[in-house]
Protein backbone atom coordinates (compact mmCIF):
# COMPACT_ATOMS: atom_id res chain seq x y z
CA UNK A 1 4.49 -29.60 3.18
CA UNK A 2 1.94 -28.65 5.80
CA UNK A 3 -0.79 -26.42 4.42
CA UNK A 4 -1.42 -22.97 5.84
CA UNK A 5 -5.13 -22.24 6.16
CA UNK A 6 -5.60 -18.55 6.62
CA UNK A 7 -7.83 -15.84 8.04
CA UNK A 8 -7.33 -12.23 6.90
CA UNK A 9 -8.49 -9.51 9.31
CA UNK A 10 -8.90 -5.90 8.12
CA UNK A 11 -8.40 -7.38 4.68
CA UNK A 12 -9.01 -4.26 2.57
CA UNK A 13 -9.27 -5.68 -0.98
CA UNK A 14 -6.63 -8.35 -0.50
CA UNK A 15 -3.44 -6.53 -1.50
CA UNK A 16 -1.42 -8.49 1.06
CA UNK A 17 -2.63 -11.90 -0.09
CA UNK A 18 -2.13 -11.42 -3.83
CA UNK A 19 0.56 -14.15 -4.02
CA UNK A 20 -0.43 -16.37 -1.11
CA UNK A 21 -2.41 -18.92 -3.11
CA UNK A 22 0.54 -19.31 -5.50
CA UNK A 23 2.82 -20.34 -2.61
CA UNK A 24 0.36 -22.81 -1.12
CA UNK A 25 -1.61 -20.73 1.40
CA UNK A 26 -5.34 -21.39 1.41
CA UNK A 27 -7.07 -18.24 2.64
CA UNK A 28 -10.32 -19.60 4.04
CA UNK A 29 -11.90 -16.47 5.52
CA UNK A 30 -11.53 -12.70 5.31
CA UNK A 31 -13.14 -9.84 7.21
CA UNK A 32 -13.56 -6.28 5.95
CA UNK A 33 -15.72 -3.51 7.35
CA UNK A 34 -16.38 -1.42 4.21
CA UNK A 35 -18.90 -3.14 1.87
CA UNK A 36 -17.37 -1.81 -1.35
CA UNK A 37 -13.97 -3.19 -0.39
CA UNK A 38 -15.48 -6.49 0.73
CA UNK A 39 -17.16 -6.73 -2.69
CA UNK A 40 -13.83 -6.00 -4.41
CA UNK A 41 -12.10 -8.67 -2.30
CA UNK A 42 -14.76 -11.29 -3.03
CA UNK A 43 -14.54 -10.63 -6.78
CA UNK A 44 -10.77 -11.20 -6.67
CA UNK A 45 -10.69 -14.11 -4.21
CA UNK A 46 -13.82 -16.06 -5.01
CA UNK A 47 -12.90 -19.15 -2.99
CA UNK A 48 -12.39 -17.16 0.23
CA UNK A 49 -15.45 -16.55 2.40
CA UNK A 50 -15.71 -12.82 2.98
CA UNK A 51 -17.44 -11.78 6.21
CA UNK A 52 -18.38 -8.15 5.73
CA UNK A 53 -18.94 -6.41 9.04
CA UNK A 54 -17.46 -4.53 11.98
CA UNK A 55 -14.99 -6.65 13.94
CA UNK A 56 -15.92 -4.61 17.03
CA UNK A 57 -19.39 -6.17 16.87
CA UNK A 58 -19.43 -9.21 19.18
CA UNK A 59 -21.68 -11.16 16.80
CA UNK A 60 -19.43 -10.52 13.78
CA UNK A 61 -16.32 -11.39 15.78
CA UNK A 62 -17.89 -14.58 17.04
CA UNK A 63 -18.86 -15.54 13.50
CA UNK A 64 -15.25 -15.02 12.41
CA UNK A 65 -13.93 -17.13 15.28
CA UNK A 66 -16.41 -19.96 14.88
CA UNK A 67 -15.88 -20.23 11.12
CA UNK A 68 -12.11 -20.13 11.58
CA UNK A 69 -12.23 -22.97 14.10
CA UNK A 70 -14.62 -24.94 11.89
CA UNK A 71 -12.31 -24.52 8.87
CA UNK A 72 -9.24 -25.40 10.95
CA UNK A 73 -7.52 -22.05 10.36
CA UNK A 74 -3.93 -22.16 11.55
CA UNK A 75 -2.66 -18.81 10.23
CA UNK A 76 -4.06 -15.34 10.99
CA UNK A 77 -2.97 -12.19 9.18
CA UNK A 78 -4.08 -8.90 10.75
CA UNK A 79 -3.42 -5.54 9.11
CA UNK A 80 -5.38 -2.98 11.17
CA UNK A 81 -5.91 0.49 9.63
CA UNK A 82 -2.83 2.63 10.14
CA UNK A 83 -4.22 6.14 9.66
CA UNK A 84 -4.26 6.74 13.40
CA UNK A 85 -0.50 6.11 13.55
CA UNK A 86 0.74 7.02 10.07
CA UNK A 87 3.24 9.84 9.59
CA UNK A 88 1.26 10.74 6.45
CA UNK A 89 -1.92 11.45 8.40
CA UNK A 90 -3.11 13.59 11.29
CA UNK A 91 -2.10 11.65 14.35
CA UNK A 92 -3.94 12.06 17.64
CA UNK A 93 -2.90 10.42 20.87
CA UNK A 94 -5.31 7.58 21.67
CA UNK A 95 -6.89 7.71 18.21
CA UNK A 96 -9.87 5.34 18.37
CA UNK A 97 -8.65 3.53 15.23
CA UNK A 98 -5.58 2.36 17.14
CA UNK A 99 -7.87 0.40 19.45
CA UNK A 100 -8.83 -1.99 16.64
CA UNK A 101 -5.79 -4.01 17.68
CA UNK A 102 -7.83 -5.16 20.73
CA UNK A 103 -10.22 -7.06 18.51
CA UNK A 104 -7.51 -8.70 16.44
CA UNK A 105 -5.92 -9.92 19.66
CA UNK A 106 -9.27 -11.24 20.88
CA UNK A 107 -9.71 -13.25 17.68
CA UNK A 108 -6.17 -14.66 17.89
CA UNK A 109 -6.62 -15.64 21.56
CA UNK A 110 -9.88 -17.44 20.79
CA UNK A 111 -8.69 -19.27 17.66
CA UNK A 112 -5.15 -19.94 18.90
CA UNK A 113 -3.68 -20.34 15.39
CA UNK A 114 -0.22 -21.81 15.05
CA UNK A 115 1.04 -18.68 13.29
CA UNK A 116 0.02 -15.03 13.12
CA UNK A 117 1.26 -11.97 11.28
CA UNK A 118 0.38 -8.50 12.59
CA UNK A 119 1.39 -5.66 10.30
CA UNK A 120 1.30 -1.89 10.59
CA UNK A 121 3.34 1.30 10.20
CA UNK A 122 6.64 1.67 12.12
CA UNK A 123 5.09 4.20 14.50
CA UNK A 124 3.10 1.35 16.06
CA UNK A 125 6.24 0.81 18.16
CA UNK A 126 5.72 4.20 19.81
CA UNK A 127 1.93 4.34 19.81
CA UNK A 128 0.17 4.31 23.17
CA UNK A 129 -3.21 2.79 23.97
CA UNK A 130 -5.25 2.58 27.13
CA UNK A 131 -6.03 -0.97 28.28
CA UNK A 132 -7.93 -1.65 31.49
CA UNK A 133 -7.11 1.87 32.63
CA UNK A 134 -3.37 1.43 32.04
CA UNK A 135 -1.45 3.42 29.41
CA UNK A 136 1.01 1.28 27.47
CA UNK A 137 2.69 0.98 24.09
CA UNK A 138 1.02 -1.31 21.56
CA UNK A 139 4.00 -3.74 21.47
CA UNK A 140 3.80 -4.01 25.27
CA UNK A 141 0.09 -4.74 25.01
CA UNK A 142 0.60 -7.42 22.34
CA UNK A 143 3.27 -9.23 24.34
CA UNK A 144 1.26 -8.95 27.56
CA UNK A 145 -1.78 -10.51 25.89
CA UNK A 146 -0.09 -13.01 23.57
CA UNK A 147 3.39 -13.53 24.99
CA UNK A 148 2.45 -16.59 27.05
CA UNK A 149 1.18 -18.42 23.98
CA UNK A 150 3.46 -17.08 21.23
CA UNK A 151 7.06 -16.22 20.50
CA UNK A 152 7.69 -12.96 18.62
CA UNK A 153 10.38 -12.09 16.09
CA UNK A 154 13.11 -9.94 17.64
CA UNK A 155 13.54 -7.54 14.69
CA UNK A 156 10.17 -6.31 13.46
CA UNK A 157 10.99 -3.36 11.19
CA UNK A 158 11.32 -4.18 7.50
CA UNK A 159 11.66 -2.19 4.27
CA UNK A 160 10.00 -3.29 1.06
CA UNK A 161 12.97 -2.00 -0.96
CA UNK A 162 15.19 -4.65 0.66
CA UNK A 163 13.28 -7.38 -1.19
CA UNK A 164 13.62 -6.24 -4.82
CA UNK A 165 10.42 -4.20 -4.54
CA UNK A 166 10.74 -0.77 -6.20
CA UNK A 167 9.22 1.07 -3.23
CA UNK A 168 10.94 2.29 -0.07
CA UNK A 169 7.92 1.57 2.16
CA UNK A 170 8.87 0.61 5.73
CA UNK A 171 6.54 -1.49 7.87
CA UNK A 172 6.51 -3.06 11.28
CA UNK A 173 5.58 -6.74 11.15
CA UNK A 174 5.22 -8.98 14.18
CA UNK A 175 5.66 -12.66 13.35
CA UNK A 176 4.08 -14.92 15.95
CA UNK A 177 4.68 -18.65 16.36
CA UNK A 178 2.73 -20.70 18.89
CA UNK A 179 5.14 -21.98 21.52
CA UNK A 180 4.33 -25.65 20.94
CA UNK A 181 5.83 -25.34 17.44
CA UNK A 182 9.56 -25.86 17.09
CA UNK A 183 9.93 -23.11 14.50
CA UNK A 184 11.57 -19.68 14.40
CA UNK A 185 9.93 -17.25 12.01
CA UNK A 186 12.04 -14.33 10.87
CA UNK A 187 12.54 -12.13 7.85
CA UNK A 188 14.33 -13.70 4.88
CA UNK A 189 17.77 -12.54 3.70
CA UNK A 190 17.71 -9.18 1.94
CA UNK A 191 17.66 -8.99 -1.84
CA UNK A 192 18.97 -6.36 -4.23
CA UNK A 193 17.46 -2.89 -4.57
CA UNK A 194 15.37 -2.24 -7.70
CA UNK A 195 15.26 1.36 -8.89
CA UNK A 196 12.41 3.12 -10.67
CA UNK A 197 14.56 3.21 -13.80
CA UNK A 198 14.67 -0.57 -13.81
CA UNK A 199 11.04 -0.98 -12.78
CA UNK A 200 9.21 1.51 -15.01
CA UNK A 201 11.89 3.28 -17.03
CA UNK A 202 11.11 1.37 -20.22
CA UNK A 203 7.37 2.09 -20.20
CA UNK A 204 5.90 4.46 -22.81
CA UNK A 205 5.74 8.10 -21.79
CA UNK A 206 2.30 9.55 -21.02
CA UNK A 207 0.96 13.07 -21.17
CA UNK A 208 -1.79 13.88 -18.65
CA UNK A 209 -5.38 14.44 -19.67
CA UNK A 210 -6.12 18.02 -18.67
CA UNK A 211 -9.28 18.82 -16.73
CA UNK A 212 -9.87 21.71 -19.10
CA UNK A 213 -10.85 19.23 -21.83
CA UNK A 214 -9.44 17.21 -24.72
CA UNK A 215 -9.09 20.17 -27.09
CA UNK A 216 -7.01 22.05 -24.53
CA UNK A 217 -5.00 18.88 -23.83
CA UNK A 218 -4.17 18.51 -27.55
CA UNK A 219 -3.20 22.17 -27.71
CA UNK A 220 -0.68 21.70 -24.92
CA UNK A 221 0.29 18.11 -25.78
CA UNK A 222 -0.05 17.43 -29.54
CA UNK A 223 1.24 13.85 -29.06
CA UNK A 224 -1.30 13.03 -26.35
CA UNK A 225 -3.37 10.55 -28.39
CA UNK A 226 -0.36 8.83 -29.98
CA UNK A 227 1.22 8.33 -26.55
CA UNK A 228 -2.06 7.15 -25.07
CA UNK A 229 -2.51 4.53 -27.78
CA UNK A 230 1.06 3.28 -27.44
CA UNK A 231 0.65 2.98 -23.66
CA UNK A 232 -2.61 1.06 -24.08
CA UNK A 233 -0.69 -1.61 -26.01
CA UNK A 234 1.18 -2.33 -22.76
CA UNK A 235 -1.87 -2.40 -20.48
CA UNK A 236 -5.34 -0.84 -20.23
CA UNK A 237 -4.18 0.41 -16.82
CA UNK A 238 -1.31 2.41 -18.31
CA UNK A 239 -3.54 5.35 -19.12
CA UNK A 240 -3.23 9.12 -18.64
CA UNK A 241 -4.09 10.47 -15.19
CA UNK A 242 -6.29 13.58 -15.11
CA UNK A 243 -4.83 16.86 -13.80
CA UNK A 244 -5.44 20.58 -13.98
CA UNK A 245 -3.23 22.59 -16.34
CA UNK A 246 -1.78 24.84 -13.66
CA UNK A 247 -0.38 21.88 -11.71
CA UNK A 248 0.85 20.20 -14.89
CA UNK A 249 2.66 23.39 -15.93
CA UNK A 250 4.37 23.56 -12.55
CA UNK A 251 5.58 19.99 -12.92
CA UNK A 252 6.75 20.50 -16.52
CA UNK A 253 9.25 22.96 -15.06
CA UNK A 254 10.27 20.69 -12.17
CA UNK A 255 13.39 18.53 -12.62
CA UNK A 256 13.59 14.85 -11.71
CA UNK A 257 13.81 14.36 -7.95
CA UNK A 258 12.87 17.97 -7.16
CA UNK A 259 9.78 19.67 -5.74
CA UNK A 260 7.93 22.41 -7.60
CA UNK A 261 7.82 24.48 -4.42
CA UNK A 262 11.46 25.41 -5.09
CA UNK A 263 10.87 26.63 -8.65
CA UNK A 264 11.65 30.31 -9.25
CA UNK A 265 8.66 30.99 -11.51
CA UNK A 266 6.45 27.94 -11.94
CA UNK A 267 5.80 27.16 -8.30
CA UNK A 268 2.54 26.12 -6.57
CA UNK A 269 0.66 29.36 -6.08
CA UNK A 270 -2.76 30.73 -5.27
CA UNK A 271 -4.80 32.83 -7.69
CA UNK A 272 -3.12 35.99 -6.35
CA UNK A 273 0.34 34.57 -7.00
CA UNK A 274 1.03 33.84 -3.35
CA UNK A 275 3.14 30.76 -2.64
CA UNK A 276 1.21 27.67 -1.57
CA UNK A 277 2.57 26.51 1.77
CA UNK A 278 3.63 22.88 1.31
CA UNK A 279 5.89 20.17 2.69
CA UNK A 280 9.13 19.68 0.77
CA UNK A 281 7.84 16.32 -0.48
CA UNK A 282 4.65 17.77 -1.94
CA UNK A 283 4.61 18.48 -5.68
CA UNK A 284 7.75 16.34 -5.85
CA UNK A 285 8.97 14.21 -8.71
CA UNK A 286 10.40 10.82 -7.88
CA UNK A 287 14.00 9.88 -8.67
CA UNK A 288 15.04 7.36 -11.32
CA UNK A 289 18.03 5.96 -9.43
CA UNK A 290 16.07 4.98 -6.31
CA UNK A 291 12.92 3.01 -5.53
CA UNK A 292 9.65 4.92 -5.29
CA UNK A 293 8.82 6.70 -2.10
CA UNK A 294 5.97 5.14 -0.11
CA UNK A 295 2.82 5.00 -2.22
CA UNK A 296 0.03 6.63 -0.20
CA UNK A 297 -3.74 6.39 -0.59
CA UNK A 298 -3.70 9.87 -2.17
CA UNK A 299 -1.33 8.80 -4.96
CA UNK A 300 -3.52 10.23 -7.73
CA UNK A 301 -2.98 13.84 -6.68
CA UNK A 302 0.07 15.83 -7.80
CA UNK A 303 0.17 17.78 -4.53
CA UNK A 304 0.43 14.61 -2.45
CA UNK A 305 3.65 13.13 -1.06
CA UNK A 306 6.35 12.44 -3.70
CA UNK A 307 4.02 10.77 -6.17
CA UNK A 308 4.88 12.48 -9.47
CA UNK A 309 6.60 10.54 -12.28
CA UNK A 310 10.38 11.23 -12.48
CA UNK A 311 10.12 12.52 -16.07
CA UNK A 312 12.80 13.07 -18.72
CA UNK A 313 14.32 16.41 -19.75
CA UNK A 314 13.63 17.76 -23.24
CA UNK A 315 14.10 21.08 -25.01
CA UNK A 316 11.21 23.17 -26.31
CA UNK A 317 11.59 26.76 -27.53
CA UNK A 318 15.08 26.87 -26.02
CA UNK A 319 13.68 25.93 -22.60
CA UNK A 320 14.35 22.73 -20.64
CA UNK A 321 11.12 21.02 -19.67
CA UNK A 322 10.37 17.60 -18.17
CA UNK A 323 8.10 14.93 -19.61
CA UNK A 324 5.33 13.03 -17.83
CA UNK A 325 4.10 15.87 -15.60
CA UNK A 326 1.68 13.51 -13.87
CA UNK A 327 1.29 10.98 -11.10
CA UNK A 328 2.09 7.34 -11.82
CA UNK A 329 -0.45 5.44 -13.87
CA UNK A 330 -2.29 2.58 -12.17
CA UNK A 331 -0.12 0.15 -14.14
CA UNK A 332 3.00 1.81 -12.74
CA UNK A 333 1.42 1.71 -9.27
CA UNK A 334 0.90 -2.05 -9.68
CA UNK A 335 4.59 -2.42 -10.49
CA UNK A 336 5.97 -0.37 -7.61
CA UNK A 337 3.55 -2.09 -5.22
CA UNK A 338 4.74 -5.49 -6.51
CA UNK A 339 1.21 -6.63 -7.35
CA UNK A 340 0.79 -9.20 -10.13
CA UNK A 341 0.35 -7.34 -13.40
CA UNK A 342 -2.58 -9.62 -14.22
CA UNK A 343 -4.20 -9.09 -10.83
CA UNK A 344 -7.94 -9.29 -11.62
CA UNK A 345 -9.12 -5.81 -10.70
CA UNK A 346 -12.94 -5.79 -10.93
CA UNK A 347 -14.24 -3.97 -13.98
CA UNK A 348 -16.66 -1.94 -11.83
CA UNK A 349 -13.92 -0.43 -9.62
CA UNK A 350 -13.18 3.21 -10.39
CA UNK A 351 -9.70 4.72 -10.50
CA UNK A 352 -10.00 6.60 -7.21
CA UNK A 353 -10.93 3.43 -5.36
CA UNK A 354 -8.16 1.41 -6.98
CA UNK A 355 -5.53 4.01 -6.12
CA UNK A 356 -6.74 4.36 -2.55
CA UNK A 357 -6.85 0.66 -1.68
CA UNK A 358 -3.43 -0.03 -3.23
CA UNK A 359 -1.96 2.96 -1.42
CA UNK A 360 -3.28 1.63 1.88
CA UNK A 361 -1.99 -1.90 1.26
CA UNK A 362 1.38 -3.44 2.02
CA UNK A 363 3.44 -4.39 -1.07
CA UNK A 364 2.27 -7.87 -2.01
CA UNK A 365 5.69 -9.40 -2.60
CA UNK A 366 6.83 -8.43 0.89
CA UNK A 367 4.13 -10.61 2.45
CA UNK A 368 4.93 -13.35 -0.07
CA UNK A 369 8.63 -13.62 0.82
CA UNK A 370 7.95 -13.41 4.57
CA UNK A 371 5.33 -16.17 4.48
CA UNK A 372 7.55 -18.26 2.20
CA UNK A 373 10.21 -18.06 4.89
CA UNK A 374 7.76 -19.75 7.26
CA UNK A 375 6.62 -22.33 4.72
CA UNK A 376 10.21 -23.46 4.13
CA UNK A 377 10.33 -24.67 7.73
CA UNK A 378 7.00 -26.49 7.79
């Protein structure tokens, strides 16, 4: 089998490449702009040379290109930041972050790798950029700049849930093959859907740690310590998230699959009792019989998009309540993001950083099965 020697652009902490070494891909070089993330990446992938710096800087970009040529890189993976296009963020036409694609294209044109993978949110298909004074869609720009040298896959939209990943996340992935290679690179056949019940339904229940303190937590959740200890036997990452009591109480009264904004009494409210204005997917519990909704970078906050544990009904004082009034634990996030459960998260990384970088990353198994589909033909 011919070896893939890779370069990762906009690498974050290496979520996308978590399985690549195991399938025979040798990631030679990575580039990340944020030093803390570059440090994280280097701790996880110690044999990859991390170039920490701004790809927009000509000197940094030249260093990337020259090292890639020297190390005979034949595969480039580019995952530019998606916040300028994401439906979960504040989108602005001609957001400067969308222009980072220019620099990925420049690197690809200068290295001329045999294969390239460019990944982003589905809205990239409708996102406009200005190039040489001409307004065009990003796909038009990519094919104008790279179409002479590369063939593109015809269908570029893909859902993680179609590959036995318990997350619905949809992405747009362009698969590029240099035209001198007699290979067609396309998505592999779909697999079965894995629900949250199957993925995390057998894990020990967790009560949240309340911001008001441990004594108050034990008053509201007498089994808190017992549950915490049982969960720790599974993984040190299956630990109680921290939340305020008012939000926890709202979610205790919110059924599986529902949003607290529709509760009659225990709904998100301001100090004066006025309803908090929220999207129907805010303060929402997930559903057991489906995969998780897309995990976002804000997955540690109850008010964020559909990130609360599905919970189980129970009776207390003749009232139906729901267990696990909390966001998913980091261990559960690892599962629904299809990361290896022994992925070597650096000990120095705090929970907020871990949640954010995983939420920004593409599910690891999705990249694995797509790259495997290429490797089978080499």
